[in-house]
Each structure stands twice: as structure tokens, then as C-alpha cells.
Amino acid sequence: MRKLFLSLGIIMLSGGVLLAQGKKNKKNKGSDTPMVIESAANVTPASAPSTAAAPASNLKIEDLAFTDVVHDFGTIMEGPDASCVFTFKNNGTEPIVIQKAQPSCGCTVPSFSSEPVPPGATGKIDVAYHTKGKPNAFSKSITIVSNAGTKVLTIKGTVEKAPVSSVPENVSMMKTN
């Protein structure tokens, strides 16, 4: 009985696919022009819509000049987040826009302004590292993507395990006054 239902299901599915293909072919038969399907790789810039083309930029990655690309926290205690600020200067002739700051893991959280940084001005990227439950040495990267190019920042340090309290934690469900 199972084989019968399985066979019927396959036949119905195959028939549905064939019917759907037949409808597509009937739509194309009425036209004199052949139906051509182009992949994104075959589209030439002349045939691409003008809205898809990004404006050309004269910025280079050197124009996104960070004061430091590595921040060493040294030895820090487990528990509170460790945070630092990476500052950069726009040495180019056009505004720099930070498009994305991608951390190497979920314990690192970068934040930045999406506002353009004008030529000659400075911008900043704040980075927080969650230390809770992560004793030992760490080295994390943050990939910065901008209209000037891609740059990698690094934070590193050692998280020292938090001392265990000598007072036992109250796990009783009864209220104490």
C-alpha cells in the first residue's frame, strides 16, 4: 500500500512539473523572438541598468588612515566588557563612508556612524569585547569595509578569570529578610 501511494505521489509531482513547463513554452511560442535567459555573469555594463552602477571613486585604502590598527588590552578581568576606540583620518579628496564592520566572532561588537567622513576630518569605530566566560588570551579581528577599500583591525589581550566568591550563592527559593 505504501509503494502504491509513493508511486502515485511521484507520478503526480512529475505531471505537475511537465504541465508547468508546457505553460511556459506555450507563452513563448506566440512570439517570433527566441527566449534567451542571461545569467548575471553574461550581462555587459552597457546592458546593465544605470541604477546598479556605483559611482566611481578616486579613494584608495591609504586614504583611510587609522592611528592604530592593533589595540592591546593587556591583562583584563573577566566580567565587564572591554572597549576601545579606533580613530581614523580621511586623507582623500572625497568623503569616506564606512559600509560595514564585520567582527571575527560574536564576542566582539563594533559600532560606527554611517555618516560620511569629509576629507581631512576624523572618524571613529568603537569596539567592545565580551569577557564574561572567556578567560585566557584572545586575538580578534574586525574587517572594515568602506568606499575606500577594506582594512582589518585587531584587538588582543588576556582575560584573567574572575575570583570565586568565598560566600556561597543563595540558591534557596525561600525569601530571607
C-alpha atoms as a PDB file:
ATOM      1  CA  MET A   1       0.000   0.000   0.000  1.00  0.00           C
ATOM      2  CA  ARG A   2       2.874   2.358   0.829  1.00  0.00           C
ATOM      3  CA  LYS A   3       4.506   1.689  -2.521  1.00  0.00           C
ATOM      4  CA  LEU A   4       1.264   2.500  -4.311  1.00  0.00           C
ATOM      5  CA  PHE A   5       0.886   5.891  -2.586  1.00  0.00           C
ATOM      6  CA  LEU A   6       4.557   6.686  -3.137  1.00  0.00           C
ATOM      7  CA  SER A   7       4.278   5.829  -6.840  1.00  0.00           C
ATOM      8  CA  LEU A   8       1.113   7.929  -7.210  1.00  0.00           C
ATOM      9  CA  GLY A   9       2.812  10.862  -5.483  1.00  0.00           C
ATOM     10  CA  ILE A  10       5.825  10.704  -7.798  1.00  0.00           C
ATOM     11  CA  ILE A  11       3.611  10.482 -10.883  1.00  0.00           C
ATOM     12  CA  MET A  12       1.528  13.479  -9.762  1.00  0.00           C
ATOM     13  CA  LEU A  13       4.644  15.522  -8.987  1.00  0.00           C
ATOM     14  CA  SER A  14       6.186  14.685 -12.372  1.00  0.00           C
ATOM     15  CA  GLY A  15       2.952  15.559 -14.151  1.00  0.00           C
ATOM     16  CA  GLY A  16       2.765  18.897 -12.370  1.00  0.00           C
ATOM     17  CA  VAL A  17       6.312  19.773 -13.388  1.00  0.00           C
ATOM     18  CA  LEU A  18       5.633  18.838 -17.016  1.00  0.00           C
ATOM     19  CA  LEU A  19       2.420  20.860 -17.096  1.00  0.00           C
ATOM     20  CA  ALA A  20       4.181  23.893 -15.623  1.00  0.00           C
ATOM     21  CA  GLN A  21       6.916  23.649 -18.272  1.00  0.00           C
ATOM     22  CA  GLY A  22       4.338  23.257 -21.025  1.00  0.00           C
ATOM     23  CA  LYS A  23       2.647  26.531 -19.993  1.00  0.00           C
ATOM     24  CA  LYS A  24       5.962  28.430 -20.152  1.00  0.00           C
ATOM     25  CA  ASN A  25       6.691  27.083 -23.639  1.00  0.00           C
ATOM     26  CA  LYS A  26       3.203  27.977 -24.908  1.00  0.00           C
ATOM     27  CA  LYS A  27       3.702  31.589 -23.780  1.00  0.00           C
ATOM     28  CA  ASN A  28       6.931  31.827 -25.780  1.00  0.00           C
ATOM     29  CA  LYS A  29       5.587  30.086 -28.951  1.00  0.00           C
ATOM     30  CA  GLY A  30       3.471  33.099 -29.936  1.00  0.00           C
ATOM     31  CA  SER A  31       6.452  35.436 -30.215  1.00  0.00           C
ATOM     32  CA  ASP A  32       8.921  35.481 -33.104  1.00  0.00           C
ATOM     33  CA  THR A  33      11.921  36.213 -30.916  1.00  0.00           C
ATOM     34  CA  PRO A  34      13.621  33.319 -29.161  1.00  0.00           C
ATOM     35  CA  MET A  35      13.538  33.263 -25.385  1.00  0.00           C
ATOM     36  CA  VAL A  36      17.049  33.955 -24.035  1.00  0.00           C
ATOM     37  CA  ILE A  37      17.929  33.601 -20.382  1.00  0.00           C
ATOM     38  CA  GLU A  38      21.006  35.534 -19.327  1.00  0.00           C
ATOM     39  CA  SER A  39      22.923  34.945 -16.168  1.00  0.00           C
ATOM     40  CA  ALA A  40      24.347  37.842 -14.176  1.00  0.00           C
ATOM     41  CA  ALA A  41      27.820  36.939 -15.484  1.00  0.00           C
ATOM     42  CA  ASN A  42      26.686  37.462 -19.095  1.00  0.00           C
ATOM     43  CA  VAL A  43      25.269  40.955 -18.567  1.00  0.00           C
ATOM     44  CA  THR A  44      27.509  43.598 -20.088  1.00  0.00           C
ATOM     45  CA  PRO A  45      27.893  47.026 -18.484  1.00  0.00           C
ATOM     46  CA  ALA A  46      26.138  48.618 -21.471  1.00  0.00           C
ATOM     47  CA  SER A  47      23.027  46.496 -20.914  1.00  0.00           C
ATOM     48  CA  ALA A  48      23.084  46.826 -17.121  1.00  0.00           C
ATOM     49  CA  PRO A  49      20.673  49.323 -15.582  1.00  0.00           C
ATOM     50  CA  SER A  50      22.239  52.653 -14.697  1.00  0.00           C
ATOM     51  CA  THR A  51      20.997  52.484 -11.101  1.00  0.00           C
ATOM     52  CA  ALA A  52      23.089  49.363 -10.419  1.00  0.00           C
ATOM     53  CA  ALA A  53      26.377  51.047 -11.277  1.00  0.00           C
ATOM     54  CA  ALA A  54      28.111  52.644  -8.311  1.00  0.00           C
ATOM     55  CA  PRO A  55      29.776  55.998  -8.863  1.00  0.00           C
ATOM     56  CA  ALA A  56      33.492  55.739  -9.483  1.00  0.00           C
ATOM     57  CA  SER A  57      35.620  56.675  -6.511  1.00  0.00           C
ATOM     58  CA  ASN A  58      39.163  58.020  -6.517  1.00  0.00           C
ATOM     59  CA  LEU A  59      39.722  56.907  -2.911  1.00  0.00           C
ATOM     60  CA  LYS A  60      42.477  54.451  -2.028  1.00  0.00           C
ATOM     61  CA  ILE A  61      42.818  52.342   1.105  1.00  0.00           C
ATOM     62  CA  GLU A  62      45.700  54.621   2.179  1.00  0.00           C
ATOM     63  CA  ASP A  63      43.160  57.465   2.435  1.00  0.00           C
ATOM     64  CA  LEU A  64      41.535  55.594   5.351  1.00  0.00           C
ATOM     65  CA  ALA A  65      44.406  56.289   7.785  1.00  0.00           C
ATOM     66  CA  PHE A  66      43.938  54.662  11.201  1.00  0.00           C
ATOM     67  CA  THR A  67      46.013  55.886  14.142  1.00  0.00           C
ATOM     68  CA  ASP A  68      46.492  52.245  15.250  1.00  0.00           C
ATOM     69  CA  VAL A  69      45.255  49.038  13.620  1.00  0.00           C
ATOM     70  CA  VAL A  70      46.006  46.889  16.704  1.00  0.00           C
ATOM     71  CA  HIS A  71      44.760  47.530  20.249  1.00  0.00           C
ATOM     72  CA  ASP A  72      46.299  45.508  23.088  1.00  0.00           C
ATOM     73  CA  PHE A  73      44.132  45.465  26.210  1.00  0.00           C
ATOM     74  CA  GLY A  74      46.908  43.757  28.195  1.00  0.00           C
ATOM     75  CA  THR A  75      45.527  41.751  31.128  1.00  0.00           C
ATOM     76  CA  ILE A  76      41.898  42.463  31.994  1.00  0.00           C
ATOM     77  CA  MET A  77      39.471  40.923  34.482  1.00  0.00           C
ATOM     78  CA  GLU A  78      36.665  38.638  33.376  1.00  0.00           C
ATOM     79  CA  GLY A  79      33.185  40.106  33.640  1.00  0.00           C
ATOM     80  CA  PRO A  80      32.780  43.650  32.331  1.00  0.00           C
ATOM     81  CA  ASP A  81      33.136  44.353  28.613  1.00  0.00           C
ATOM     82  CA  ALA A  82      36.479  45.695  27.443  1.00  0.00           C
ATOM     83  CA  SER A  83      36.122  48.517  24.965  1.00  0.00           C
ATOM     84  CA  CYS A  84      38.381  50.682  22.833  1.00  0.00           C
ATOM     85  CA  VAL A  85      38.104  53.263  20.069  1.00  0.00           C
ATOM     86  CA  PHE A  86      39.905  53.112  16.727  1.00  0.00           C
ATOM     87  CA  THR A  87      40.220  56.562  15.140  1.00  0.00           C
ATOM     88  CA  PHE A  88      40.957  57.289  11.508  1.00  0.00           C
ATOM     89  CA  LYS A  89      41.519  60.330   9.344  1.00  0.00           C
ATOM     90  CA  ASN A  90      40.216  60.816   5.815  1.00  0.00           C
ATOM     91  CA  ASN A  91      43.323  61.732   3.804  1.00  0.00           C
ATOM     92  CA  GLY A  92      41.437  61.561   0.491  1.00  0.00           C
ATOM     93  CA  THR A  93      39.645  64.118  -1.619  1.00  0.00           C
ATOM     94  CA  GLU A  94      36.168  62.572  -1.231  1.00  0.00           C
ATOM     95  CA  PRO A  95      34.049  61.653   1.801  1.00  0.00           C
ATOM     96  CA  ILE A  96      34.664  58.184   3.234  1.00  0.00           C
ATOM     97  CA  VAL A  97      31.635  56.088   4.161  1.00  0.00           C
ATOM     98  CA  ILE A  98      32.065  53.071   6.427  1.00  0.00           C
ATOM     99  CA  GLN A  99      29.700  50.478   4.982  1.00  0.00           C
ATOM    100  CA  LYS A 100      30.308  47.534   7.300  1.00  0.00           C
ATOM    101  CA  ALA A 101      32.364  46.467  10.307  1.00  0.00           C
ATOM    102  CA  GLN A 102      32.440  42.656  10.458  1.00  0.00           C
ATOM    103  CA  PRO A 103      33.859  41.050  13.630  1.00  0.00           C
ATOM    104  CA  SER A 104      35.533  37.645  13.505  1.00  0.00           C
ATOM    105  CA  CYS A 105      33.169  36.297  16.185  1.00  0.00           C
ATOM    106  CA  GLY A 106      30.079  37.176  18.200  1.00  0.00           C
ATOM    107  CA  CYS A 107      32.009  38.181  21.311  1.00  0.00           C
ATOM    108  CA  THR A 108      33.316  41.299  19.533  1.00  0.00           C
ATOM    109  CA  VAL A 109      30.868  44.119  18.788  1.00  0.00           C
ATOM    110  CA  PRO A 110      31.926  47.055  16.602  1.00  0.00           C
ATOM    111  CA  SER A 111      29.835  50.202  16.214  1.00  0.00           C
ATOM    112  CA  PHE A 112      30.298  53.115  13.830  1.00  0.00           C
ATOM    113  CA  SER A 113      28.461  56.020  12.263  1.00  0.00           C
ATOM    114  CA  SER A 114      27.135  55.608   8.744  1.00  0.00           C
ATOM    115  CA  GLU A 115      27.573  59.347   8.168  1.00  0.00           C
ATOM    116  CA  PRO A 116      30.234  60.247   5.559  1.00  0.00           C
ATOM    117  CA  VAL A 117      33.571  61.470   6.945  1.00  0.00           C
ATOM    118  CA  PRO A 118      34.599  64.529   4.896  1.00  0.00           C
ATOM    119  CA  PRO A 119      38.166  64.961   3.587  1.00  0.00           C
ATOM    120  CA  GLY A 120      40.530  65.999   6.375  1.00  0.00           C
ATOM    121  CA  ALA A 121      38.080  65.013   9.130  1.00  0.00           C
ATOM    122  CA  THR A 122      38.368  62.134  11.586  1.00  0.00           C
ATOM    123  CA  GLY A 123      36.012  59.278  12.323  1.00  0.00           C
ATOM    124  CA  LYS A 124      35.878  56.539  14.927  1.00  0.00           C
ATOM    125  CA  ILE A 125      34.940  52.910  15.326  1.00  0.00           C
ATOM    126  CA  ASP A 126      34.045  51.719  18.819  1.00  0.00           C
ATOM    127  CA  VAL A 127      34.798  48.078  19.625  1.00  0.00           C
ATOM    128  CA  ALA A 128      33.582  46.129  22.673  1.00  0.00           C
ATOM    129  CA  TYR A 129      34.802  42.650  23.654  1.00  0.00           C
ATOM    130  CA  HIS A 130      32.611  40.488  25.923  1.00  0.00           C
ATOM    131  CA  THR A 131      34.943  38.968  28.528  1.00  0.00           C
ATOM    132  CA  LYS A 132      32.416  37.046  30.627  1.00  0.00           C
ATOM    133  CA  GLY A 133      33.104  33.315  30.400  1.00  0.00           C
ATOM    134  CA  LYS A 134      36.180  33.823  28.213  1.00  0.00           C
ATOM    135  CA  PRO A 135      39.307  33.542  30.371  1.00  0.00           C
ATOM    136  CA  ASN A 136      42.663  33.147  28.528  1.00  0.00           C
ATOM    137  CA  ALA A 137      44.417  35.018  25.738  1.00  0.00           C
ATOM    138  CA  PHE A 138      42.410  36.345  22.795  1.00  0.00           C
ATOM    139  CA  SER A 139      43.050  37.967  19.436  1.00  0.00           C
ATOM    140  CA  LYS A 140      40.042  39.090  17.384  1.00  0.00           C
ATOM    141  CA  SER A 141      39.817  40.875  14.057  1.00  0.00           C
ATOM    142  CA  ILE A 142      37.317  43.415  12.751  1.00  0.00           C
ATOM    143  CA  THR A 143      37.101  43.828   8.966  1.00  0.00           C
ATOM    144  CA  ILE A 144      36.192  47.391   7.992  1.00  0.00           C
ATOM    145  CA  VAL A 145      34.582  47.817   4.552  1.00  0.00           C
ATOM    146  CA  SER A 146      34.346  51.342   3.152  1.00  0.00           C
ATOM    147  CA  ASN A 147      34.201  53.115  -0.178  1.00  0.00           C
ATOM    148  CA  ALA A 148      37.992  53.477   0.118  1.00  0.00           C
ATOM    149  CA  GLY A 149      38.569  49.723   0.453  1.00  0.00           C
ATOM    150  CA  THR A 150      38.867  47.080   3.154  1.00  0.00           C
ATOM    151  CA  LYS A 151      41.029  47.281   6.261  1.00  0.00           C
ATOM    152  CA  VAL A 152      41.459  44.816   9.150  1.00  0.00           C
ATOM    153  CA  LEU A 153      41.702  45.983  12.772  1.00  0.00           C
ATOM    154  CA  THR A 154      42.793  43.708  15.627  1.00  0.00           C
ATOM    155  CA  ILE A 155      42.117  43.616  19.365  1.00  0.00           C
ATOM    156  CA  LYS A 156      44.063  41.334  21.671  1.00  0.00           C
ATOM    157  CA  GLY A 157      44.792  40.725  25.305  1.00  0.00           C
ATOM    158  CA  THR A 158      44.431  38.245  28.133  1.00  0.00           C
ATOM    159  CA  VAL A 159      41.312  37.771  30.228  1.00  0.00           C
ATOM    160  CA  GLU A 160      42.058  36.798  33.814  1.00  0.00           C
ATOM    161  CA  LYS A 161      39.476  34.524  35.426  1.00  0.00           C
ATOM    162  CA  ALA A 162      37.318  36.332  37.971  1.00  0.00           C
ATOM    163  CA  PRO A 163      37.929  35.241  41.560  1.00  0.00           C
ATOM    164  CA  VAL A 164      35.349  32.921  43.043  1.00  0.00           C
ATOM    165  CA  SER A 165      33.498  34.483  45.949  1.00  0.00           C
ATOM    166  CA  SER A 166      34.014  32.859  49.357  1.00  0.00           C
ATOM    167  CA  VAL A 167      30.373  33.480  50.207  1.00  0.00           C
ATOM    168  CA  PRO A 168      28.140  30.754  48.800  1.00  0.00           C
ATOM    169  CA  GLU A 169      25.412  31.892  46.449  1.00  0.00           C
ATOM    170  CA  ASN A 170      21.875  31.714  47.871  1.00  0.00           C
ATOM    171  CA  VAL A 171      20.038  29.252  45.668  1.00  0.00           C
ATOM    172  CA  SER A 172      17.124  28.761  48.047  1.00  0.00           C
ATOM    173  CA  MET A 173      13.670  29.583  46.773  1.00  0.00           C
ATOM    174  CA  MET A 174      12.609  30.885  50.220  1.00  0.00           C
ATOM    175  CA  LYS A 175      12.779  34.605  50.849  1.00  0.00           C
ATOM    176  CA  THR A 176      15.104  35.779  53.549  1.00  0.00           C
ATOM    177  CA  ASN A 177      14.726  39.084  55.340  1.00  0.00           C
END
